[in-house]
Amino acid sequence: MIRSSSNQSLFTWALGAAWGVMAAVAHAAPQEVVVGIGTQNTTTNTVTGGIVLDKLGLLEKHLPKTGKYANIKFVIDWQNFTSGPPVTNGMMAGKLQIGMMGDYPLLVNGATFQAGNDTKSKLIAILAYNQFGAGNGVVVHKDSPYYQLSDLKGKRISAPFGSAAHGMLLKAMEDRGWKDDFWDLSSQSPEVGTTNLQEKKLDAHADFVPFMELLPFKGFARKIFDGVETKLPTFHGVVVREDFAKQYPEFVVGYLKAVMEANDWVRKNPKLAAEKIAEWTKIDKEVVYMFLGPAGIHTLDPSIKPKWVETIRYDTGVLQRLGRVKQFDVNAWVDDSYVRAAFKERGEDYEAQKASFAGSEISGQDTFCKKPIAKSIEAGEVWLKSGELMAYSSAACTLGAIKQFTGQGKALAAAYLFDQNLNIKLFADKAFFAVNDQDPKALVIEPFLLKKDAEQMAAKVKGKVLVYEQVLALIK
């Protein structure tokens, strides 16, 4: 009995131990996988790939949690940068698995990885684009005598080297046949370039989204060149380390589904989105809205369109001719399989979206001129400091509403019109206007970003060039 009792005790102990091991295994601490994501929070057209996901908790919502991921805990390490090149450095060092940046930095990222012996990077999605190149630009101080790029010969100009804005400058120089010594070009970050321009230590500064709208909005700069003049698309996109994507493909798809939900959030209520993004990034809401609002400068769309691939090929040629990039296999770098999977899981048609360039438009009823808004390119918007945001059918109707509001003592946060040559949104108070006021009841008022374009139109309509305050004075 004693033996039997001992055997029974031994059996009981062994059984308990076995259950303990099984329980320990079942409740083992999950495997932690740290995922570094390189963002550019102040680059407004990248926010739906970074800070919006973080603040709204969208990435966690879409992370895989079943199958091989049941015992994996992803720890997201959001790392914010002011330009693309440092993101590439972080990815090369293995500290970042995902990064976002503009077109020229993207291709340098891909070429840098291809030149190495380690893993490669893959372009997996686009965040936002302007198919004509708007977003990058060149500004001068508001008191500057310079109005176009050719005025800057021999002058001091800065740009963040390696950025999309730097690429725009290189393209503009190549188009004009200018050599490197055309101007005194130096590399300065957005923060340094902004300060030096404000203090008149520079003649001009080139930069990317949103600084070329932000600095004029702040009141001390004037844009004299817009990237749309290069006639080459610009965009920001997402790259991933290939080794990470192959090991955790469902994470990558989940990330892109989160990006798509963030895009939906912006489009559903662009005014609220602009206000929240301004709160999170400290970029003024009026500037955020200019980029991401209806008919904004950039369109949110994750699809990788053939036109973007062609643009990267062209950009590569520009950098190769300047000796800044060697070989780069664009086809091997582009991989839209993950964004295709994200579209499929959301029940959406990727091929249809890839073929589309449609964006959100300004619509509704013009309450000042009492008629519907027909075309965004002819329309305008007024944002009052009291919070109301209203749309109008034409530049004349928008200016009439502004005159009415100011007469009522209502302060403006911003007013928007559209350049009639470059087809981009601009701040009304920064525009040059071609005006024919021979018939006060039928004013011809056409807004332009560039003085030279307004002068050409003024000659065409037998009118004159006026600035914002002068045009308002004509409105009765």
Foldseek 3Di string as FASTA:
>chain_A
DVVVVVVVVVVVVVVVVVVVVVVCVVPPQAAEDEAEEEFALQQLLGCLLAVLCVVVVQLVVLADCDDPNVRYDYHYHYHHDNAQPVVLVCVVVVNHFKYKHKLQSVQVSQQVQVVDPDFGKAFAWFFKKFQLFFFKFKKAWPPAPDQADLVQFAFEEEEAPSHPQNLLVLLVCVVVVHDPNRYRYDYDGLVVRLVCRQVVVGGMYIYGPPSVAQSVLVPTIATRTGRSVSRHMMTMTMMGGPVVCVVRVSSLLSSLLSSVVSLVVCAVPVQVVLVVSCVVRVRHSVSSCQQRPAQHSMAGATADAPSSLVRSVVSQVSCVVVVNGDDGDSVVRYDNPSVCVSCVVVVHDRVVRNPDPDGGHDWDAAPQVGGTADHRQAKKWWAWPVGDIDIHRHPLSQLLVVLVCVVVVTHTPFMWHAQPPSGGIHTQQSWKWQWDCPPLVDIDTGTHSGPVVSVVVNVVVVGDIDGRVVVSVSHD
